[in-house]
C-alpha cells in the first residue's frame, strides 16, 4: 500500500492510500480526485502533476483529462473505448489512451 500526500485547493493537503483513489479527472483548470466513496476532492495542481506523482504501475492516463487506478478497472471495452470500474462506472478513453493501455498490458506479459 502506497500513501500519497496530495495537494488540494487553498493550500490544503490530503493523505490518501493508492487503493482509496478511483480516478482523477480534469474539468478545465480544476482537477478532481475521486475516492472510493465517490467524494470529489478539488486538486490544487495540474493533471500532469498528479500523473508524475502517482505510481505508474498503478495509475494510467487513459485520455487527456483522466487518470484511472488500474486496480479499480474491471473491464476494458475496446469497441466503445471505455473502461468500467469495479463500482460499475464507465469512463471514456481516447483512441491513443486505448492504444497506450494495450501496449502497457502487453509489456506486462499479458496477451491482448
PDB file of N, CA and C in Angstrom:
ATOM      1  N   UNK A   1       0.847  -1.181   0.000  1.00  0.00           N
ATOM      2  CA  UNK A   1       0.000   0.000   0.000  1.00  0.00           C
ATOM      3  C   UNK A   1       0.894   1.246   0.000  1.00  0.00           C
ATOM      4  N   UNK A   2       0.637   2.127  -0.931  1.00  0.00           N
ATOM      5  CA  UNK A   2       1.377   3.377  -1.022  1.00  0.00           C
ATOM      6  C   UNK A   2       0.464   4.510  -0.586  1.00  0.00           C
ATOM      7  N   UNK A   3       0.985   5.390   0.236  1.00  0.00           N
ATOM      8  CA  UNK A   3       0.228   6.557   0.677  1.00  0.00           C
ATOM      9  C   UNK A   3       0.840   7.799   0.044  1.00  0.00           C
ATOM     10  N   UNK A   4      -0.029   8.664  -0.453  1.00  0.00           N
ATOM     11  CA  UNK A   4       0.400   9.903  -1.097  1.00  0.00           C
ATOM     12  C   UNK A   4      -0.109  11.091  -0.298  1.00  0.00           C
ATOM     13  N   UNK A   5       0.666  12.149  -0.267  1.00  0.00           N
ATOM     14  CA  UNK A   5       0.225  13.426   0.278  1.00  0.00           C
ATOM     15  C   UNK A   5      -0.072  14.307  -0.929  1.00  0.00           C
ATOM     16  N   UNK A   6      -1.357  14.512  -1.202  1.00  0.00           N
ATOM     17  CA  UNK A   6      -1.770  15.197  -2.427  1.00  0.00           C
ATOM     18  C   UNK A   6      -2.261  16.606  -2.117  1.00  0.00           C
ATOM     19  N   UNK A   7      -1.781  17.601  -2.879  1.00  0.00           N
ATOM     20  CA  UNK A   7      -2.228  18.975  -2.656  1.00  0.00           C
ATOM     21  C   UNK A   7      -3.649  19.188  -3.175  1.00  0.00           C
ATOM     22  N   UNK A   8      -4.432  19.912  -2.382  1.00  0.00           N
ATOM     23  CA  UNK A   8      -5.787  20.293  -2.762  1.00  0.00           C
ATOM     24  C   UNK A   8      -5.818  21.810  -2.934  1.00  0.00           C
ATOM     25  N   UNK A   9      -7.000  22.336  -3.259  1.00  0.00           N
ATOM     26  CA  UNK A   9      -7.146  23.782  -3.396  1.00  0.00           C
ATOM     27  C   UNK A   9      -6.933  24.465  -2.049  1.00  0.00           C
ATOM     28  N   UNK A  10      -6.648  25.739  -2.084  1.00  0.00           N
ATOM     29  CA  UNK A  10      -6.463  26.583  -0.904  1.00  0.00           C
ATOM     30  C   UNK A  10      -5.292  26.135  -0.033  1.00  0.00           C
ATOM     31  N   UNK A  11      -4.331  25.429  -0.623  1.00  0.00           N
ATOM     32  CA  UNK A  11      -3.136  25.043   0.113  1.00  0.00           C
ATOM     33  C   UNK A  11      -3.290  23.850   1.040  1.00  0.00           C
ATOM     34  N   UNK A  12      -4.442  23.196   1.019  1.00  0.00           N
ATOM     35  CA  UNK A  12      -4.655  22.019   1.861  1.00  0.00           C
ATOM     36  C   UNK A  12      -3.971  20.803   1.251  1.00  0.00           C
ATOM     37  N   UNK A  13      -3.666  19.831   2.092  1.00  0.00           N
ATOM     38  CA  UNK A  13      -3.045  18.580   1.648  1.00  0.00           C
ATOM     39  C   UNK A  13      -3.823  17.430   2.258  1.00  0.00           C
ATOM     40  N   UNK A  14      -4.045  16.378   1.476  1.00  0.00           N
ATOM     41  CA  UNK A  14      -4.736  15.192   1.976  1.00  0.00           C
ATOM     42  C   UNK A  14      -3.821  13.980   1.828  1.00  0.00           C
ATOM     43  N   UNK A  15      -3.874  13.115   2.811  1.00  0.00           N
ATOM     44  CA  UNK A  15      -3.133  11.857   2.766  1.00  0.00           C
ATOM     45  C   UNK A  15      -4.092  10.787   2.262  1.00  0.00           C
ATOM     46  N   UNK A  16      -3.738  10.138   1.156  1.00  0.00           N
ATOM     47  CA  UNK A  16      -4.613   9.110   0.577  1.00  0.00           C
ATOM     48  C   UNK A  16      -3.796   7.887   0.195  1.00  0.00           C
ATOM     49  N   UNK A  17      -4.331   6.724   0.517  1.00  0.00           N
ATOM     50  CA  UNK A  17      -3.722   5.470   0.078  1.00  0.00           C
ATOM     51  C   UNK A  17      -4.085   5.257  -1.384  1.00  0.00           C
ATOM     52  N   UNK A  18      -3.216   4.602  -2.130  1.00  0.00           N
ATOM     53  CA  UNK A  18      -3.467   4.396  -3.560  1.00  0.00           C
ATOM     54  C   UNK A  18      -4.780   3.660  -3.800  1.00  0.00           C
ATOM     55  N   UNK A  19      -5.139   2.709  -2.930  1.00  0.00           N
ATOM     56  CA  UNK A  19      -6.383   1.967  -3.154  1.00  0.00           C
ATOM     57  C   UNK A  19      -7.633   2.783  -2.836  1.00  0.00           C
ATOM     58  N   UNK A  20      -7.472   3.971  -2.247  1.00  0.00           N
ATOM     59  CA  UNK A  20      -8.619   4.837  -1.967  1.00  0.00           C
ATOM     60  C   UNK A  20      -8.941   5.777  -3.124  1.00  0.00           C
ATOM     61  N   UNK A  21      -8.088   5.814  -4.138  1.00  0.00           N
ATOM     62  CA  UNK A  21      -8.302   6.690  -5.296  1.00  0.00           C
ATOM     63  C   UNK A  21      -8.857   5.853  -6.443  1.00  0.00           C
ATOM     64  N   UNK A  22     -10.050   6.226  -6.951  1.00  0.00           N
ATOM     65  CA  UNK A  22     -10.608   5.523  -8.117  1.00  0.00           C
ATOM     66  C   UNK A  22     -10.051   6.108  -9.409  1.00  0.00           C
ATOM     67  N   UNK A  23     -10.173   7.413  -9.543  1.00  0.00           N
ATOM     68  CA  UNK A  23      -9.644   8.069 -10.738  1.00  0.00           C
ATOM     69  C   UNK A  23      -9.477   9.553 -10.472  1.00  0.00           C
ATOM     70  N   UNK A  24      -8.781  10.204 -11.381  1.00  0.00           N
ATOM     71  CA  UNK A  24      -8.553  11.645 -11.309  1.00  0.00           C
ATOM     72  C   UNK A  24      -8.924  12.211 -12.669  1.00  0.00           C
ATOM     73  N   UNK A  25      -9.709  13.278 -12.658  1.00  0.00           N
ATOM     74  CA  UNK A  25     -10.126  13.868 -13.933  1.00  0.00           C
ATOM     75  C   UNK A  25      -9.982  15.381 -13.869  1.00  0.00           C
ATOM     76  N   UNK A  26      -9.702  15.956 -15.013  1.00  0.00           N
ATOM     77  CA  UNK A  26      -9.643  17.415 -15.075  1.00  0.00           C
ATOM     78  C   UNK A  26     -10.889  17.919 -15.782  1.00  0.00           C
ATOM     79  N   UNK A  27     -11.362  19.039 -15.294  1.00  0.00           N
ATOM     80  CA  UNK A  27     -12.510  19.707 -15.892  1.00  0.00           C
ATOM     81  C   UNK A  27     -12.085  21.156 -16.072  1.00  0.00           C
ATOM     82  N   UNK A  28     -11.481  21.427 -17.220  1.00  0.00           N
ATOM     83  CA  UNK A  28     -10.901  22.748 -17.432  1.00  0.00           C
ATOM     84  C   UNK A  28      -9.697  22.913 -16.519  1.00  0.00           C
ATOM     85  N   UNK A  29      -9.643  24.019 -15.793  1.00  0.00           N
ATOM     86  CA  UNK A  29      -8.473  24.258 -14.938  1.00  0.00           C
ATOM     87  C   UNK A  29      -8.503  23.492 -13.609  1.00  0.00           C
ATOM     88  N   UNK A  30      -9.640  22.890 -13.277  1.00  0.00           N
ATOM     89  CA  UNK A  30      -9.771  22.206 -11.987  1.00  0.00           C
ATOM     90  C   UNK A  30      -9.614  20.706 -12.171  1.00  0.00           C
ATOM     91  N   UNK A  31      -8.860  20.105 -11.267  1.00  0.00           N
ATOM     92  CA  UNK A  31      -8.642  18.661 -11.269  1.00  0.00           C
ATOM     93  C   UNK A  31      -9.393  18.080 -10.079  1.00  0.00           C
ATOM     94  N   UNK A  32     -10.125  16.993 -10.314  1.00  0.00           N
ATOM     95  CA  UNK A  32     -10.878  16.336  -9.248  1.00  0.00           C
ATOM     96  C   UNK A  32     -10.294  14.960  -8.975  1.00  0.00           C
ATOM     97  N   UNK A  33     -10.080  14.673  -7.705  1.00  0.00           N
ATOM     98  CA  UNK A  33      -9.640  13.355  -7.257  1.00  0.00           C
ATOM     99  C   UNK A  33     -10.883  12.662  -6.724  1.00  0.00           C
ATOM    100  N   UNK A  34     -11.272  11.536  -7.324  1.00  0.00           N
ATOM    101  CA  UNK A  34     -12.480  10.824  -6.914  1.00  0.00           C
ATOM    102  C   UNK A  34     -12.049   9.619  -6.089  1.00  0.00           C
ATOM    103  N   UNK A  35     -12.556   9.561  -4.852  1.00  0.00           N
ATOM    104  CA  UNK A  35     -12.154   8.472  -3.963  1.00  0.00           C
ATOM    105  C   UNK A  35     -13.172   7.331  -3.995  1.00  0.00           C
ATOM    106  N   UNK A  36     -12.929   6.291  -3.207  1.00  0.00           N
ATOM    107  CA  UNK A  36     -13.778   5.099  -3.239  1.00  0.00           C
ATOM    108  C   UNK A  36     -15.176   5.355  -2.688  1.00  0.00           C
ATOM    109  N   UNK A  37     -15.381   6.477  -2.002  1.00  0.00           N
ATOM    110  CA  UNK A  37     -16.711   6.851  -1.505  1.00  0.00           C
ATOM    111  C   UNK A  37     -17.408   7.800  -2.479  1.00  0.00           C
ATOM    112  N   UNK A  38     -16.843   7.963  -3.680  1.00  0.00           N
ATOM    113  CA  UNK A  38     -17.339   8.873  -4.714  1.00  0.00           C
ATOM    114  C   UNK A  38     -17.294  10.342  -4.303  1.00  0.00           C
ATOM    115  N   UNK A  39     -16.465  10.662  -3.334  1.00  0.00           N
ATOM    116  CA  UNK A  39     -16.257  12.046  -2.944  1.00  0.00           C
ATOM    117  C   UNK A  39     -15.294  12.675  -3.941  1.00  0.00           C
ATOM    118  N   UNK A  40     -15.629  13.878  -4.422  1.00  0.00           N
ATOM    119  CA  UNK A  40     -14.764  14.598  -5.356  1.00  0.00           C
ATOM    120  C   UNK A  40     -13.976  15.649  -4.594  1.00  0.00           C
ATOM    121  N   UNK A  41     -12.669  15.505  -4.614  1.00  0.00           N
ATOM    122  CA  UNK A  41     -11.793  16.465  -3.944  1.00  0.00           C
ATOM    123  C   UNK A  41     -11.135  17.326  -5.012  1.00  0.00           C
ATOM    124  N   UNK A  42     -11.225  18.631  -4.866  1.00  0.00           N
ATOM    125  CA  UNK A  42     -10.647  19.541  -5.860  1.00  0.00           C
ATOM    126  C   UNK A  42      -9.147  19.653  -5.636  1.00  0.00           C
ATOM    127  N   UNK A  43      -8.393  19.172  -6.610  1.00  0.00           N
ATOM    128  CA  UNK A  43      -6.935  19.187  -6.518  1.00  0.00           C
ATOM    129  C   UNK A  43      -6.366  20.565  -6.775  1.00  0.00           C
ATOM    130  N   UNK A  44      -5.212  20.816  -6.195  1.00  0.00           N
ATOM    131  CA  UNK A  44      -4.582  22.122  -6.321  1.00  0.00           C
ATOM    132  C   UNK A  44      -3.494  22.188  -7.370  1.00  0.00           C
ATOM    133  N   UNK A  45      -3.336  21.129  -8.160  1.00  0.00           N
ATOM    134  CA  UNK A  45      -2.283  21.084  -9.169  1.00  0.00           C
ATOM    135  C   UNK A  45      -2.861  20.608 -10.503  1.00  0.00           C
ATOM    136  N   UNK A  46      -2.007  20.545 -11.510  1.00  0.00           N
ATOM    137  CA  UNK A  46      -2.434  20.091 -12.838  1.00  0.00           C
ATOM    138  C   UNK A  46      -2.533  18.569 -12.879  1.00  0.00           C
ATOM    139  N   UNK A  47      -3.207  18.055 -13.889  1.00  0.00           N
ATOM    140  CA  UNK A  47      -3.313  16.607 -14.072  1.00  0.00           C
ATOM    141  C   UNK A  47      -1.921  16.001 -14.272  1.00  0.00           C
ATOM    142  N   UNK A  48      -1.066  16.698 -14.994  1.00  0.00           N
ATOM    143  CA  UNK A  48       0.304  16.214 -15.212  1.00  0.00           C
ATOM    144  C   UNK A  48       1.045  16.053 -13.887  1.00  0.00           C
ATOM    145  N   UNK A  49       0.847  16.971 -12.960  1.00  0.00           N
ATOM    146  CA  UNK A  49       1.483  16.866 -11.646  1.00  0.00           C
ATOM    147  C   UNK A  49       1.085  15.556 -10.973  1.00  0.00           C
ATOM    148  N   UNK A  50      -0.216  15.247 -10.964  1.00  0.00           N
ATOM    149  CA  UNK A  50      -0.683  14.024 -10.304  1.00  0.00           C
ATOM    150  C   UNK A  50      -0.187  12.782 -11.049  1.00  0.00           C
ATOM    151  N   UNK A  51      -0.134  12.865 -12.372  1.00  0.00           N
ATOM    152  CA  UNK A  51       0.388  11.738 -13.153  1.00  0.00           C
ATOM    153  C   UNK A  51       1.843  11.455 -12.783  1.00  0.00           C
ATOM    154  N   UNK A  52       2.628  12.506 -12.628  1.00  0.00           N
ATOM    155  CA  UNK A  52       4.041  12.347 -12.281  1.00  0.00           C
ATOM    156  C   UNK A  52       4.235  11.835 -10.855  1.00  0.00           C
ATOM    157  N   UNK A  53       3.345  12.223  -9.945  1.00  0.00           N
ATOM    158  CA  UNK A  53       3.470  11.843  -8.537  1.00  0.00           C
ATOM    159  C   UNK A  53       3.015  10.405  -8.298  1.00  0.00           C
ATOM    160  N   UNK A  54       1.949   9.991  -8.965  1.00  0.00           N
ATOM    161  CA  UNK A  54       1.357   8.676  -8.705  1.00  0.00           C
ATOM    162  C   UNK A  54       2.166   7.561  -9.355  1.00  0.00           C
ATOM    163  N   UNK A  55       2.144   6.413  -8.727  1.00  0.00           N
ATOM    164  CA  UNK A  55       2.905   5.245  -9.174  1.00  0.00           C
ATOM    165  C   UNK A  55       2.423   4.789 -10.554  1.00  0.00           C
ATOM    166  N   UNK A  56       3.343   4.690 -11.507  1.00  0.00           N
ATOM    167  CA  UNK A  56       2.935   4.410 -12.885  1.00  0.00           C
ATOM    168  C   UNK A  56       2.438   2.985 -13.101  1.00  0.00           C
ATOM    169  N   UNK A  57       2.766   2.040 -12.237  1.00  0.00           N
ATOM    170  CA  UNK A  57       2.230   0.686 -12.401  1.00  0.00           C
ATOM    171  C   UNK A  57       0.805   0.569 -11.885  1.00  0.00           C
ATOM    172  N   UNK A  58       0.358   1.545 -11.110  1.00  0.00           N
ATOM    173  CA  UNK A  58      -0.982   1.512 -10.541  1.00  0.00           C
ATOM    174  C   UNK A  58      -1.928   2.472 -11.251  1.00  0.00           C
ATOM    175  N   UNK A  59      -1.427   3.626 -11.651  1.00  0.00           N
ATOM    176  CA  UNK A  59      -2.265   4.656 -12.270  1.00  0.00           C
ATOM    177  C   UNK A  59      -1.871   4.834 -13.728  1.00  0.00           C
ATOM    178  N   UNK A  60      -2.891   5.030 -14.580  1.00  0.00           N
ATOM    179  CA  UNK A  60      -2.636   5.118 -16.015  1.00  0.00           C
ATOM    180  C   UNK A  60      -3.513   6.207 -16.624  1.00  0.00           C
ATOM    181  N   UNK A  61      -2.925   7.053 -17.468  1.00  0.00           N
ATOM    182  CA  UNK A  61      -3.678   8.117 -18.130  1.00  0.00           C
ATOM    183  C   UNK A  61      -4.343   7.549 -19.376  1.00  0.00           C
ATOM    184  N   UNK A  62      -5.686   7.544 -19.380  1.00  0.00           N
ATOM    185  CA  UNK A  62      -6.437   6.955 -20.489  1.00  0.00           C
ATOM    186  C   UNK A  62      -6.960   7.996 -21.474  1.00  0.00           C
ATOM    187  N   UNK A  63      -6.867   9.267 -21.111  1.00  0.00           N
ATOM    188  CA  UNK A  63      -7.248  10.352 -22.020  1.00  0.00           C
ATOM    189  C   UNK A  63      -6.554  11.620 -21.542  1.00  0.00           C
ATOM    190  N   UNK A  64      -6.725  12.695 -22.289  1.00  0.00           N
ATOM    191  CA  UNK A  64      -6.098  13.965 -21.899  1.00  0.00           C
ATOM    192  C   UNK A  64      -6.580  14.431 -20.543  1.00  0.00           C
ATOM    193  N   UNK A  65      -7.787  14.017 -20.157  1.00  0.00           N
ATOM    194  CA  UNK A  65      -8.371  14.549 -18.934  1.00  0.00           C
ATOM    195  C   UNK A  65      -8.577  13.525 -17.821  1.00  0.00           C
ATOM    196  N   UNK A  66      -8.136  12.275 -17.994  1.00  0.00           N
ATOM    197  CA  UNK A  66      -8.440  11.251 -16.991  1.00  0.00           C
ATOM    198  C   UNK A  66      -7.273  10.309 -16.727  1.00  0.00           C
ATOM    199  N   UNK A  67      -7.031  10.073 -15.444  1.00  0.00           N
ATOM    200  CA  UNK A  67      -6.084   9.059 -14.972  1.00  0.00           C
ATOM    201  C   UNK A  67      -6.897   8.078 -14.138  1.00  0.00           C
ATOM    202  N   UNK A  68      -6.763   6.784 -14.396  1.00  0.00           N
ATOM    203  CA  UNK A  68      -7.502   5.785 -13.615  1.00  0.00           C
ATOM    204  C   UNK A  68      -6.545   4.943 -12.781  1.00  0.00           C
ATOM    205  N   UNK A  69      -7.075   4.444 -11.682  1.00  0.00           N
ATOM    206  CA  UNK A  69      -6.360   3.483 -10.854  1.00  0.00           C
ATOM    207  C   UNK A  69      -6.616   2.117 -11.483  1.00  0.00           C
ATOM    208  N   UNK A  70      -5.596   1.484 -12.031  1.00  0.00           N
ATOM    209  CA  UNK A  70      -5.779   0.209 -12.732  1.00  0.00           C
ATOM    210  C   UNK A  70      -6.304  -0.887 -11.811  1.00  0.00           C
ATOM    211  N   UNK A  71      -6.062  -0.765 -10.521  1.00  0.00           N
ATOM    212  CA  UNK A  71      -6.586  -1.753  -9.572  1.00  0.00           C
ATOM    213  C   UNK A  71      -8.099  -1.653  -9.447  1.00  0.00           C
ATOM    214  N   UNK A  72      -8.682  -0.553  -9.901  1.00  0.00           N
ATOM    215  CA  UNK A  72     -10.135  -0.353  -9.837  1.00  0.00           C
ATOM    216  C   UNK A  72     -10.826  -0.647 -11.168  1.00  0.00           C
ATOM    217  N   UNK A  73     -10.063  -1.040 -12.196  1.00  0.00           N
ATOM    218  CA  UNK A  73     -10.639  -1.336 -13.513  1.00  0.00           C
ATOM    219  C   UNK A  73     -11.067  -2.795 -13.557  1.00  0.00           C
ATOM    220  N   UNK A  74     -12.349  -3.012 -13.903  1.00  0.00           N
ATOM    221  CA  UNK A  74     -12.876  -4.370 -14.012  1.00  0.00           C
ATOM    222  C   UNK A  74     -12.897  -4.838 -15.461  1.00  0.00           C
ATOM    223  N   UNK A  75     -13.154  -3.919 -16.395  1.00  0.00           N
ATOM    224  CA  UNK A  75     -13.413  -4.315 -17.777  1.00  0.00           C
ATOM    225  C   UNK A  75     -12.923  -3.217 -18.710  1.00  0.00           C
ATOM    226  N   UNK A  76     -12.302  -3.614 -19.808  1.00  0.00           N
ATOM    227  CA  UNK A  76     -11.874  -2.669 -20.839  1.00  0.00           C
ATOM    228  C   UNK A  76     -12.687  -2.968 -22.086  1.00  0.00           C
ATOM    229  N   UNK A  77     -13.490  -2.013 -22.506  1.00  0.00           N
ATOM    230  CA  UNK A  77     -14.336  -2.166 -23.691  1.00  0.00           C
ATOM    231  C   UNK A  77     -13.613  -1.510 -24.867  1.00  0.00           C
ATOM    232  N   UNK A  78     -12.944  -2.332 -25.683  1.00  0.00           N
ATOM    233  CA  UNK A  78     -12.146  -1.821 -26.796  1.00  0.00           C
ATOM    234  C   UNK A  78     -13.018  -1.312 -27.939  1.00  0.00           C
ATOM    235  N   UNK A  79     -14.266  -1.762 -28.014  1.00  0.00           N
ATOM    236  CA  UNK A  79     -15.159  -1.320 -29.092  1.00  0.00           C
ATOM    237  C   UNK A  79     -15.643   0.104 -28.841  1.00  0.00           C
ATOM    238  N   UNK A  80     -16.086   0.377 -27.616  1.00  0.00           N
ATOM    239  CA  UNK A  80     -16.602   1.714 -27.320  1.00  0.00           C
ATOM    240  C   UNK A  80     -15.574   2.608 -26.623  1.00  0.00           C
ATOM    241  N   UNK A  81     -14.322   2.138 -26.532  1.00  0.00           N
ATOM    242  CA  UNK A  81     -13.238   2.912 -25.906  1.00  0.00           C
ATOM    243  C   UNK A  81     -13.612   3.391 -24.502  1.00  0.00           C
ATOM    244  N   UNK A  82     -13.980   2.446 -23.653  1.00  0.00           N
ATOM    245  CA  UNK A  82     -14.327   2.771 -22.275  1.00  0.00           C
ATOM    246  C   UNK A  82     -13.684   1.770 -21.322  1.00  0.00           C
ATOM    247  N   UNK A  83     -13.451   2.216 -20.101  1.00  0.00           N
ATOM    248  CA  UNK A  83     -13.091   1.297 -19.026  1.00  0.00           C
ATOM    249  C   UNK A  83     -14.256   1.289 -18.048  1.00  0.00           C
ATOM    250  N   UNK A  84     -14.506   0.128 -17.475  1.00  0.00           N
ATOM    251  CA  UNK A  84     -15.531   0.027 -16.443  1.00  0.00           C
ATOM    252  C   UNK A  84     -14.821  -0.250 -15.132  1.00  0.00           C
ATOM    253  N   UNK A  85     -15.131   0.556 -14.134  1.00  0.00           N
ATOM    254  CA  UNK A  85     -14.520   0.382 -12.826  1.00  0.00           C
ATOM    255  C   UNK A  85     -15.266  -0.688 -12.039  1.00  0.00           C
ATOM    256  N   UNK A  86     -14.675  -1.151 -10.956  1.00  0.00           N
ATOM    257  CA  UNK A  86     -15.296  -2.198 -10.141  1.00  0.00           C
ATOM    258  C   UNK A  86     -16.619  -1.737  -9.547  1.00  0.00           C
ATOM    259  N   UNK A  87     -16.827  -0.427  -9.427  1.00  0.00           N
ATOM    260  CA  UNK A  87     -18.085   0.109  -8.899  1.00  0.00           C
ATOM    261  C   UNK A  87     -19.168   0.189  -9.973  1.00  0.00           C
ATOM    262  N   UNK A  88     -18.815  -0.096 -11.250  1.00  0.00           N
ATOM    263  CA  UNK A  88     -19.778  -0.053 -12.342  1.00  0.00           C
ATOM    264  C   UNK A  88     -19.706   1.209 -13.186  1.00  0.00           C
ATOM    265  N   UNK A  89     -18.996   2.223 -12.743  1.00  0.00           N
ATOM    266  CA  UNK A  89     -18.879   3.468 -13.515  1.00  0.00           C
ATOM    267  C   UNK A  89     -18.051   3.223 -14.766  1.00  0.00           C
ATOM    268  N   UNK A  90     -18.532   3.748 -15.890  1.00  0.00           N
ATOM    269  CA  UNK A  90     -17.818   3.639 -17.163  1.00  0.00           C
ATOM    270  C   UNK A  90     -17.209   4.997 -17.496  1.00  0.00           C
ATOM    271  N   UNK A  91     -15.937   4.955 -17.922  1.00  0.00           N
ATOM    272  CA  UNK A  91     -15.199   6.180 -18.230  1.00  0.00           C
ATOM    273  C   UNK A  91     -14.650   6.066 -19.645  1.00  0.00           C
ATOM    274  N   UNK A  92     -14.860   7.121 -20.434  1.00  0.00           N
ATOM    275  CA  UNK A  92     -14.403   7.135 -21.827  1.00  0.00           C
ATOM    276  C   UNK A  92     -12.883   7.257 -21.899  1.00  0.00           C
ATOM    277  N   UNK A  93     -12.312   6.527 -22.874  1.00  0.00           N
ATOM    278  CA  UNK A  93     -10.880   6.595 -23.171  1.00  0.00           C
ATOM    279  C   UNK A  93     -10.708   7.220 -24.545  1.00  0.00           C
ATOM    280  N   UNK A  94      -9.580   7.852 -24.758  1.00  0.00           N
ATOM    281  CA  UNK A  94      -9.256   8.306 -26.109  1.00  0.00           C
ATOM    282  C   UNK A  94      -8.705   7.114 -26.895  1.00  0.00           C
ATOM    283  N   UNK A  95      -8.651   7.235 -28.220  1.00  0.00           N
ATOM    284  CA  UNK A  95      -8.070   6.151 -29.031  1.00  0.00           C
ATOM    285  C   UNK A  95      -6.606   5.938 -28.658  1.00  0.00           C
ATOM    286  N   UNK A  96      -5.887   7.043 -28.459  1.00  0.00           N
ATOM    287  CA  UNK A  96      -4.484   6.919 -28.047  1.00  0.00           C
ATOM    288  C   UNK A  96      -4.369   6.315 -26.654  1.00  0.00           C
ATOM    289  N   UNK A  97      -5.321   6.633 -25.778  1.00  0.00           N
ATOM    290  CA  UNK A  97      -5.326   6.048 -24.438  1.00  0.00           C
ATOM    291  C   UNK A  97      -5.503   4.548 -24.493  1.00  0.00           C
ATOM    292  N   UNK A  98      -6.410   4.081 -25.363  1.00  0.00           N
ATOM    293  CA  UNK A  98      -6.626   2.641 -25.528  1.00  0.00           C
ATOM    294  C   UNK A  98      -5.369   1.980 -26.092  1.00  0.00           C
ATOM    295  N   UNK A  99      -4.772   2.606 -27.092  1.00  0.00           N
ATOM    296  CA  UNK A  99      -3.553   2.054 -27.699  1.00  0.00           C
ATOM    297  C   UNK A  99      -2.433   1.958 -26.657  1.00  0.00           C
ATOM    298  N   UNK A 100      -2.244   3.013 -25.881  1.00  0.00           N
ATOM    299  CA  UNK A 100      -1.202   3.011 -24.844  1.00  0.00           C
ATOM    300  C   UNK A 100      -1.488   1.980 -23.766  1.00  0.00           C
ATOM    301  N   UNK A 101      -2.756   1.826 -23.402  1.00  0.00           N
ATOM    302  CA  UNK A 101      -3.128   0.843 -22.383  1.00  0.00           C
ATOM    303  C   UNK A 101      -2.870  -0.573 -22.887  1.00  0.00           C
ATOM    304  N   UNK A 102      -3.194  -0.827 -24.160  1.00  0.00           N
ATOM    305  CA  UNK A 102      -2.900  -2.141 -24.757  1.00  0.00           C
ATOM    306  C   UNK A 102      -1.401  -2.430 -24.693  1.00  0.00           C
ATOM    307  N   UNK A 103      -0.590  -1.449 -25.082  1.00  0.00           N
ATOM    308  CA  UNK A 103       0.867  -1.624 -25.057  1.00  0.00           C
ATOM    309  C   UNK A 103       1.369  -1.860 -23.635  1.00  0.00           C
ATOM    310  N   UNK A 104       0.803  -1.146 -22.682  1.00  0.00           N
ATOM    311  CA  UNK A 104       1.195  -1.320 -21.284  1.00  0.00           C
ATOM    312  C   UNK A 104       0.869  -2.734 -20.805  1.00  0.00           C
ATOM    313  N   UNK A 105      -0.322  -3.214 -21.132  1.00  0.00           N
ATOM    314  CA  UNK A 105      -0.742  -4.562 -20.722  1.00  0.00           C
ATOM    315  C   UNK A 105       0.157  -5.611 -21.372  1.00  0.00           C
ATOM    316  N   UNK A 106       0.453  -5.440 -22.659  1.00  0.00           N
ATOM    317  CA  UNK A 106       1.343  -6.381 -23.354  1.00  0.00           C
ATOM    318  C   UNK A 106       2.741  -6.368 -22.745  1.00  0.00           C
ATOM    319  N   UNK A 107       3.210  -5.197 -22.322  1.00  0.00           N
ATOM    320  CA  UNK A 107       4.555  -5.097 -21.735  1.00  0.00           C
ATOM    321  C   UNK A 107       4.653  -5.838 -20.403  1.00  0.00           C
ATOM    322  N   UNK A 108       3.513  -6.098 -19.789  1.00  0.00           N
ATOM    323  CA  UNK A 108       3.479  -6.845 -18.528  1.00  0.00           C
ATOM    324  C   UNK A 108       3.379  -8.348 -18.765  1.00  0.00           C
ATOM    325  N   UNK A 109       3.405  -8.764 -20.049  1.00  0.00           N
ATOM    326  CA  UNK A 109       3.402 -10.186 -20.381  1.00  0.00           C
ATOM    327  C   UNK A 109       2.034 -10.779 -20.641  1.00  0.00           C
ATOM    328  N   UNK A 110       1.008  -9.937 -20.696  1.00  0.00           N
ATOM    329  CA  UNK A 110      -0.342 -10.428 -20.985  1.00  0.00           C
ATOM    330  C   UNK A 110      -0.612 -10.331 -22.472  1.00  0.00           C
ATOM    331  N   UNK A 111      -1.489 -11.190 -22.970  1.00  0.00           N
ATOM    332  CA  UNK A 111      -1.872 -11.141 -24.389  1.00  0.00           C
ATOM    333  C   UNK A 111      -3.114 -10.282 -24.534  1.00  0.00           C
ATOM    334  N   UNK A 112      -3.214  -9.630 -25.691  1.00  0.00           N
ATOM    335  CA  UNK A 112      -4.401  -8.807 -25.977  1.00  0.00           C
ATOM    336  C   UNK A 112      -5.063  -9.372 -27.187  1.00  0.00           C
TER     337      UNK A 112
END
